[in-house]
PDB file of all heavy atoms in Angstrom:
ATOM      1  N   PHE A   1      68.330  66.040 -23.105  1.00  0.00           N
ATOM      2  CA  PHE A   1      66.984  65.844 -23.656  1.00  0.00           C
ATOM      3  C   PHE A   1      66.583  64.427 -23.602  1.00  0.00           C
ATOM      4  O   PHE A   1      65.716  63.963 -24.379  1.00  0.00           O
ATOM      5  CB  PHE A   1      66.892  66.382 -25.020  1.00  0.00           C
ATOM      6  CG  PHE A   1      67.232  67.926 -25.192  1.00  0.00           C
ATOM      7  CD1 PHE A   1      68.518  68.222 -25.606  1.00  0.00           C
ATOM      8  CD2 PHE A   1      66.384  68.823 -24.770  1.00  0.00           C
ATOM      9  CE1 PHE A   1      68.844  69.619 -25.681  1.00  0.00           C
ATOM     10  CE2 PHE A   1      66.725  70.167 -24.868  1.00  0.00           C
ATOM     11  CZ  PHE A   1      67.991  70.487 -25.299  1.00  0.00           C
ATOM     12  N   GLU A   2      67.077  63.621 -22.707  1.00  0.00           N
ATOM     13  CA  GLU A   2      66.747  62.209 -22.606  1.00  0.00           C
ATOM     14  C   GLU A   2      65.258  62.093 -22.302  1.00  0.00           C
ATOM     15  O   GLU A   2      64.641  62.843 -21.418  1.00  0.00           O
ATOM     16  CB  GLU A   2      67.580  61.529 -21.505  1.00  0.00           C
ATOM     17  CG  GLU A   2      67.121  60.057 -21.246  1.00  0.00           C
ATOM     18  CD  GLU A   2      67.824  59.421 -20.062  1.00  0.00           C
ATOM     19  OE1 GLU A   2      68.453  60.159 -19.289  1.00  0.00           O
ATOM     20  OE2 GLU A   2      67.700  58.272 -19.964  1.00  0.00           O
ATOM     21  N   GLY A   3      64.547  61.213 -22.906  1.00  0.00           N
ATOM     22  CA  GLY A   3      63.205  60.916 -22.640  1.00  0.00           C
ATOM     23  C   GLY A   3      62.213  61.976 -23.217  1.00  0.00           C
ATOM     24  O   GLY A   3      61.012  61.942 -22.966  1.00  0.00           O
ATOM     25  N   CYS A   4      62.715  62.867 -24.041  1.00  0.00           N
ATOM     26  CA  CYS A   4      61.903  63.782 -24.787  1.00  0.00           C
ATOM     27  C   CYS A   4      61.259  63.095 -25.990  1.00  0.00           C
ATOM     28  O   CYS A   4      61.689  63.319 -27.176  1.00  0.00           O
ATOM     29  CB  CYS A   4      62.620  65.076 -25.164  1.00  0.00           C
ATOM     30  SG  CYS A   4      63.217  66.011 -23.801  1.00  0.00           S
ATOM     31  N   LYS A   5      60.350  62.193 -25.772  1.00  0.00           N
ATOM     32  CA  LYS A   5      59.833  61.275 -26.789  1.00  0.00           C
ATOM     33  C   LYS A   5      58.982  61.996 -27.883  1.00  0.00           C
ATOM     34  O   LYS A   5      58.790  61.410 -28.963  1.00  0.00           O
ATOM     35  CB  LYS A   5      58.977  60.191 -26.202  1.00  0.00           C
ATOM     36  CG  LYS A   5      57.833  60.625 -25.305  1.00  0.00           C
ATOM     37  CD  LYS A   5      57.083  59.525 -24.654  1.00  0.00           C
ATOM     38  CE  LYS A   5      55.890  59.936 -23.918  1.00  0.00           C
ATOM     39  NZ  LYS A   5      55.273  58.806 -23.164  1.00  0.00           N
ATOM     40  N   SER A   6      58.559  63.216 -27.604  1.00  0.00           N
ATOM     41  CA  SER A   6      57.784  63.892 -28.697  1.00  0.00           C
ATOM     42  C   SER A   6      58.614  64.875 -29.463  1.00  0.00           C
ATOM     43  O   SER A   6      58.042  65.485 -30.442  1.00  0.00           O
ATOM     44  CB  SER A   6      56.626  64.723 -28.050  1.00  0.00           C
ATOM     45  OG  SER A   6      55.720  63.817 -27.330  1.00  0.00           O
ATOM     46  N   LEU A   7      59.896  65.002 -29.132  1.00  0.00           N
ATOM     47  CA  LEU A   7      60.782  65.930 -29.837  1.00  0.00           C
ATOM     48  C   LEU A   7      60.971  65.608 -31.339  1.00  0.00           C
ATOM     49  O   LEU A   7      61.368  64.557 -31.724  1.00  0.00           O
ATOM     50  CB  LEU A   7      62.176  65.936 -29.158  1.00  0.00           C
ATOM     51  CG  LEU A   7      63.102  67.114 -29.563  1.00  0.00           C
ATOM     52  CD1 LEU A   7      62.429  68.498 -29.250  1.00  0.00           C
ATOM     53  CD2 LEU A   7      64.364  67.003 -28.812  1.00  0.00           C
ATOM     54  N   GLU A   8      60.663  66.572 -32.183  1.00  0.00           N
ATOM     55  CA  GLU A   8      60.664  66.357 -33.658  1.00  0.00           C
ATOM     56  C   GLU A   8      61.674  67.373 -34.350  1.00  0.00           C
ATOM     57  O   GLU A   8      62.129  66.950 -35.408  1.00  0.00           O
ATOM     58  CB  GLU A   8      59.309  66.505 -34.236  1.00  0.00           C
ATOM     59  CG  GLU A   8      58.214  65.479 -33.709  1.00  0.00           C
ATOM     60  CD  GLU A   8      56.795  65.764 -34.246  1.00  0.00           C
ATOM     61  OE1 GLU A   8      56.666  66.833 -34.855  1.00  0.00           O
ATOM     62  OE2 GLU A   8      55.945  64.971 -33.977  1.00  0.00           O
ATOM     63  N   TYR A   9      61.825  68.460 -33.809  1.00  0.00           N
ATOM     64  CA  TYR A   9      62.609  69.513 -34.581  1.00  0.00           C
ATOM     65  C   TYR A   9      63.516  70.265 -33.605  1.00  0.00           C
ATOM     66  O   TYR A   9      63.121  70.679 -32.542  1.00  0.00           O
ATOM     67  CB  TYR A   9      61.610  70.470 -35.236  1.00  0.00           C
ATOM     68  CG  TYR A   9      62.340  71.490 -36.087  1.00  0.00           C
ATOM     69  CD1 TYR A   9      62.739  71.205 -37.388  1.00  0.00           C
ATOM     70  CD2 TYR A   9      62.565  72.854 -35.578  1.00  0.00           C
ATOM     71  CE1 TYR A   9      63.370  72.116 -38.091  1.00  0.00           C
ATOM     72  CE2 TYR A   9      63.220  73.746 -36.327  1.00  0.00           C
ATOM     73  CZ  TYR A   9      63.610  73.478 -37.608  1.00  0.00           C
ATOM     74  OH  TYR A   9      64.304  74.362 -38.359  1.00  0.00           O
ATOM     75  N   VAL A  10      64.847  70.418 -33.987  1.00  0.00           N
ATOM     76  CA  VAL A  10      65.783  71.139 -33.227  1.00  0.00           C
ATOM     77  C   VAL A  10      66.526  72.219 -34.125  1.00  0.00           C
ATOM     78  O   VAL A  10      67.038  71.850 -35.185  1.00  0.00           O
ATOM     79  CB  VAL A  10      66.866  70.157 -32.635  1.00  0.00           C
ATOM     80  CG1 VAL A  10      67.900  71.005 -31.833  1.00  0.00           C
ATOM     81  CG2 VAL A  10      66.144  69.211 -31.664  1.00  0.00           C
ATOM     82  N   GLU A  11      66.491  73.451 -33.699  1.00  0.00           N
ATOM     83  CA  GLU A  11      67.335  74.471 -34.312  1.00  0.00           C
ATOM     84  C   GLU A  11      68.750  74.369 -33.679  1.00  0.00           C
ATOM     85  O   GLU A  11      68.882  74.523 -32.479  1.00  0.00           O
ATOM     86  CB  GLU A  11      66.722  75.853 -34.042  1.00  0.00           C
ATOM     87  CG  GLU A  11      65.543  76.188 -34.876  1.00  0.00           C
ATOM     88  CD  GLU A  11      65.844  76.702 -36.270  1.00  0.00           C
ATOM     89  OE1 GLU A  11      67.028  76.985 -36.473  1.00  0.00           O
ATOM     90  OE2 GLU A  11      65.011  76.799 -37.133  1.00  0.00           O
ATOM     91  N   TRP A  12      69.694  73.972 -34.508  1.00  0.00           N
ATOM     92  CA  TRP A  12      71.033  73.508 -33.930  1.00  0.00           C
ATOM     93  C   TRP A  12      72.068  74.443 -34.500  1.00  0.00           C
ATOM     94  O   TRP A  12      72.410  74.519 -35.714  1.00  0.00           O
ATOM     95  CB  TRP A  12      71.231  72.091 -34.453  1.00  0.00           C
ATOM     96  CG  TRP A  12      72.548  71.489 -33.873  1.00  0.00           C
ATOM     97  CD1 TRP A  12      73.746  71.522 -34.427  1.00  0.00           C
ATOM     98  CD2 TRP A  12      72.551  70.582 -32.743  1.00  0.00           C
ATOM     99  NE1 TRP A  12      74.624  70.751 -33.708  1.00  0.00           N
ATOM    100  CE2 TRP A  12      73.984  70.151 -32.674  1.00  0.00           C
ATOM    101  CE3 TRP A  12      71.576  70.171 -31.886  1.00  0.00           C
ATOM    102  CZ2 TRP A  12      74.363  69.338 -31.604  1.00  0.00           C
ATOM    103  CZ3 TRP A  12      72.045  69.335 -30.813  1.00  0.00           C
ATOM    104  CH2 TRP A  12      73.391  68.904 -30.752  1.00  0.00           C
ATOM    105  N   PRO A  13      72.767  75.264 -33.654  1.00  0.00           N
ATOM    106  CA  PRO A  13      73.737  76.211 -34.140  1.00  0.00           C
ATOM    107  C   PRO A  13      75.046  75.535 -34.509  1.00  0.00           C
ATOM    108  O   PRO A  13      75.432  74.579 -33.746  1.00  0.00           O
ATOM    109  CB  PRO A  13      73.897  77.137 -32.937  1.00  0.00           C
ATOM    110  CG  PRO A  13      73.567  76.343 -31.694  1.00  0.00           C
ATOM    111  CD  PRO A  13      72.514  75.311 -32.184  1.00  0.00           C
ATOM    112  N   GLY A  14      75.700  76.094 -35.427  1.00  0.00           N
ATOM    113  CA  GLY A  14      77.025  75.544 -35.843  1.00  0.00           C
ATOM    114  C   GLY A  14      78.112  75.967 -34.822  1.00  0.00           C
ATOM    115  O   GLY A  14      79.298  75.555 -34.965  1.00  0.00           O
ATOM    116  N   THR A  15      77.761  76.716 -33.801  1.00  0.00           N
ATOM    117  CA  THR A  15      78.805  77.103 -32.846  1.00  0.00           C
ATOM    118  C   THR A  15      79.015  76.044 -31.726  1.00  0.00           C
ATOM    119  O   THR A  15      79.967  76.173 -30.913  1.00  0.00           O
ATOM    120  CB  THR A  15      78.385  78.412 -32.103  1.00  0.00           C
ATOM    121  OG1 THR A  15      77.018  78.113 -31.561  1.00  0.00           O
ATOM    122  CG2 THR A  15      78.271  79.563 -32.986  1.00  0.00           C
ATOM    123  N   ILE A  16      78.232  74.960 -31.737  1.00  0.00           N
ATOM    124  CA  ILE A  16      78.396  73.941 -30.775  1.00  0.00           C
ATOM    125  C   ILE A  16      79.583  73.173 -30.992  1.00  0.00           C
ATOM    126  O   ILE A  16      79.888  72.659 -32.070  1.00  0.00           O
ATOM    127  CB  ILE A  16      77.147  73.032 -30.691  1.00  0.00           C
ATOM    128  CG1 ILE A  16      75.910  73.742 -30.218  1.00  0.00           C
ATOM    129  CG2 ILE A  16      77.432  71.769 -29.881  1.00  0.00           C
ATOM    130  CD1 ILE A  16      74.653  72.909 -30.207  1.00  0.00           C
ATOM    131  N   ILE A  17      80.460  73.130 -30.022  1.00  0.00           N
ATOM    132  CA  ILE A  17      81.859  72.514 -30.162  1.00  0.00           C
ATOM    133  C   ILE A  17      81.740  71.160 -29.445  1.00  0.00           C
ATOM    134  O   ILE A  17      82.328  70.162 -30.023  1.00  0.00           O
ATOM    135  CB  ILE A  17      82.845  73.403 -29.494  1.00  0.00           C
ATOM    136  CG1 ILE A  17      83.054  74.704 -30.129  1.00  0.00           C
ATOM    137  CG2 ILE A  17      84.250  72.723 -29.423  1.00  0.00           C
ATOM    138  CD1 ILE A  17      83.945  75.737 -29.440  1.00  0.00           C
ATOM    139  N   THR A  18      81.116  71.072 -28.292  1.00  0.00           N
ATOM    140  CA  THR A  18      81.185  69.776 -27.538  1.00  0.00           C
ATOM    141  C   THR A  18      79.722  69.274 -27.357  1.00  0.00           C
ATOM    142  O   THR A  18      78.880  69.987 -26.901  1.00  0.00           O
ATOM    143  CB  THR A  18      81.807  69.942 -26.173  1.00  0.00           C
ATOM    144  OG1 THR A  18      83.112  70.585 -26.305  1.00  0.00           O
ATOM    145  CG2 THR A  18      81.975  68.693 -25.376  1.00  0.00           C
ATOM    146  N   THR A  19      79.518  68.058 -27.729  1.00  0.00           N
ATOM    147  CA  THR A  19      78.205  67.410 -27.514  1.00  0.00           C
ATOM    148  C   THR A  19      78.511  65.961 -27.020  1.00  0.00           C
ATOM    149  O   THR A  19      79.599  65.485 -26.957  1.00  0.00           O
ATOM    150  CB  THR A  19      77.398  67.354 -28.842  1.00  0.00           C
ATOM    151  OG1 THR A  19      78.078  66.558 -29.761  1.00  0.00           O
ATOM    152  CG2 THR A  19      77.132  68.722 -29.341  1.00  0.00           C
ATOM    153  N   ASN A  20      77.394  65.361 -26.614  1.00  0.00           N
ATOM    154  CA  ASN A  20      77.504  63.964 -26.141  1.00  0.00           C
ATOM    155  C   ASN A  20      76.427  63.110 -26.948  1.00  0.00           C
ATOM    156  O   ASN A  20      75.269  63.612 -27.011  1.00  0.00           O
ATOM    157  CB  ASN A  20      77.323  63.881 -24.667  1.00  0.00           C
ATOM    158  CG  ASN A  20      77.437  62.511 -24.068  1.00  0.00           C
ATOM    159  OD1 ASN A  20      76.670  61.591 -24.439  1.00  0.00           O
ATOM    160  ND2 ASN A  20      78.513  62.388 -23.196  1.00  0.00           N
ATOM    161  N   LYS A  21      76.780  61.957 -27.365  1.00  0.00           N
ATOM    162  CA  LYS A  21      75.853  61.227 -28.183  1.00  0.00           C
ATOM    163  C   LYS A  21      74.594  60.713 -27.420  1.00  0.00           C
ATOM    164  O   LYS A  21      73.572  60.329 -27.966  1.00  0.00           O
ATOM    165  CB  LYS A  21      76.547  59.916 -28.741  1.00  0.00           C
ATOM    166  CG  LYS A  21      77.065  58.989 -27.693  1.00  0.00           C
ATOM    167  CD  LYS A  21      77.730  57.762 -28.320  1.00  0.00           C
ATOM    168  CE  LYS A  21      78.217  56.756 -27.262  1.00  0.00           C
ATOM    169  NZ  LYS A  21      78.888  55.607 -27.915  1.00  0.00           N
ATOM    170  N   LYS A  22      74.635  60.920 -26.137  1.00  0.00           N
ATOM    171  CA  LYS A  22      73.460  60.580 -25.247  1.00  0.00           C
ATOM    172  C   LYS A  22      72.514  61.693 -25.047  1.00  0.00           C
ATOM    173  O   LYS A  22      71.588  61.507 -24.238  1.00  0.00           O
ATOM    174  CB  LYS A  22      73.996  59.992 -23.958  1.00  0.00           C
ATOM    175  CG  LYS A  22      74.800  58.689 -24.111  1.00  0.00           C
ATOM    176  CD  LYS A  22      75.366  58.238 -22.712  1.00  0.00           C
ATOM    177  CE  LYS A  22      76.096  56.916 -22.836  1.00  0.00           C
ATOM    178  NZ  LYS A  22      76.604  56.417 -21.543  1.00  0.00           N
ATOM    179  N   ILE A  23      72.742  62.841 -25.611  1.00  0.00           N
ATOM    180  CA  ILE A  23      71.889  63.986 -25.259  1.00  0.00           C
ATOM    181  C   ILE A  23      70.451  63.786 -25.570  1.00  0.00           C
ATOM    182  O   ILE A  23      69.568  64.272 -24.935  1.00  0.00           O
ATOM    183  CB  ILE A  23      72.405  65.241 -25.933  1.00  0.00           C
ATOM    184  CG1 ILE A  23      72.404  65.207 -27.444  1.00  0.00           C
ATOM    185  CG2 ILE A  23      73.795  65.735 -25.396  1.00  0.00           C
ATOM    186  CD1 ILE A  23      72.826  66.514 -28.079  1.00  0.00           C
ATOM    187  N   PHE A  24      70.232  62.968 -26.654  1.00  0.00           N
ATOM    188  CA  PHE A  24      68.820  62.793 -27.114  1.00  0.00           C
ATOM    189  C   PHE A  24      68.366  61.321 -26.851  1.00  0.00           C
ATOM    190  O   PHE A  24      67.594  60.708 -27.490  1.00  0.00           O
ATOM    191  CB  PHE A  24      68.482  63.009 -28.517  1.00  0.00           C
ATOM    192  CG  PHE A  24      68.763  64.470 -28.872  1.00  0.00           C
ATOM    193  CD1 PHE A  24      69.845  64.933 -29.637  1.00  0.00           C
ATOM    194  CD2 PHE A  24      67.689  65.406 -28.446  1.00  0.00           C
ATOM    195  CE1 PHE A  24      70.089  66.287 -29.945  1.00  0.00           C
ATOM    196  CE2 PHE A  24      67.889  66.765 -28.870  1.00  0.00           C
ATOM    197  CZ  PHE A  24      69.062  67.233 -29.503  1.00  0.00           C
ATOM    198  N   LYS A  25      69.025  60.627 -25.817  1.00  0.00           N
ATOM    199  CA  LYS A  25      68.772  59.225 -25.519  1.00  0.00           C
ATOM    200  C   LYS A  25      67.218  58.957 -25.394  1.00  0.00           C
ATOM    201  O   LYS A  25      66.456  59.656 -24.738  1.00  0.00           O
ATOM    202  CB  LYS A  25      69.412  58.782 -24.287  1.00  0.00           C
ATOM    203  CG  LYS A  25      69.347  57.317 -24.003  1.00  0.00           C
ATOM    204  CD  LYS A  25      70.092  56.941 -22.673  1.00  0.00           C
ATOM    205  CE  LYS A  25      69.911  55.466 -22.446  1.00  0.00           C
ATOM    206  NZ  LYS A  25      70.597  54.972 -21.114  1.00  0.00           N
ATOM    207  N   GLY A  26      66.860  57.894 -26.088  1.00  0.00           N
ATOM    208  CA  GLY A  26      65.372  57.541 -26.102  1.00  0.00           C
ATOM    209  C   GLY A  26      64.564  58.176 -27.219  1.00  0.00           C
ATOM    210  O   GLY A  26      63.371  57.865 -27.413  1.00  0.00           O
TER     211      GLY A  26
END
């Protein structure tokens, strides 16, 4: 989701095991 500058709200499931700190870069 890099460059999604208007993003304000995310429904985030607890099932996520692997993420990357750069997924929302910007």
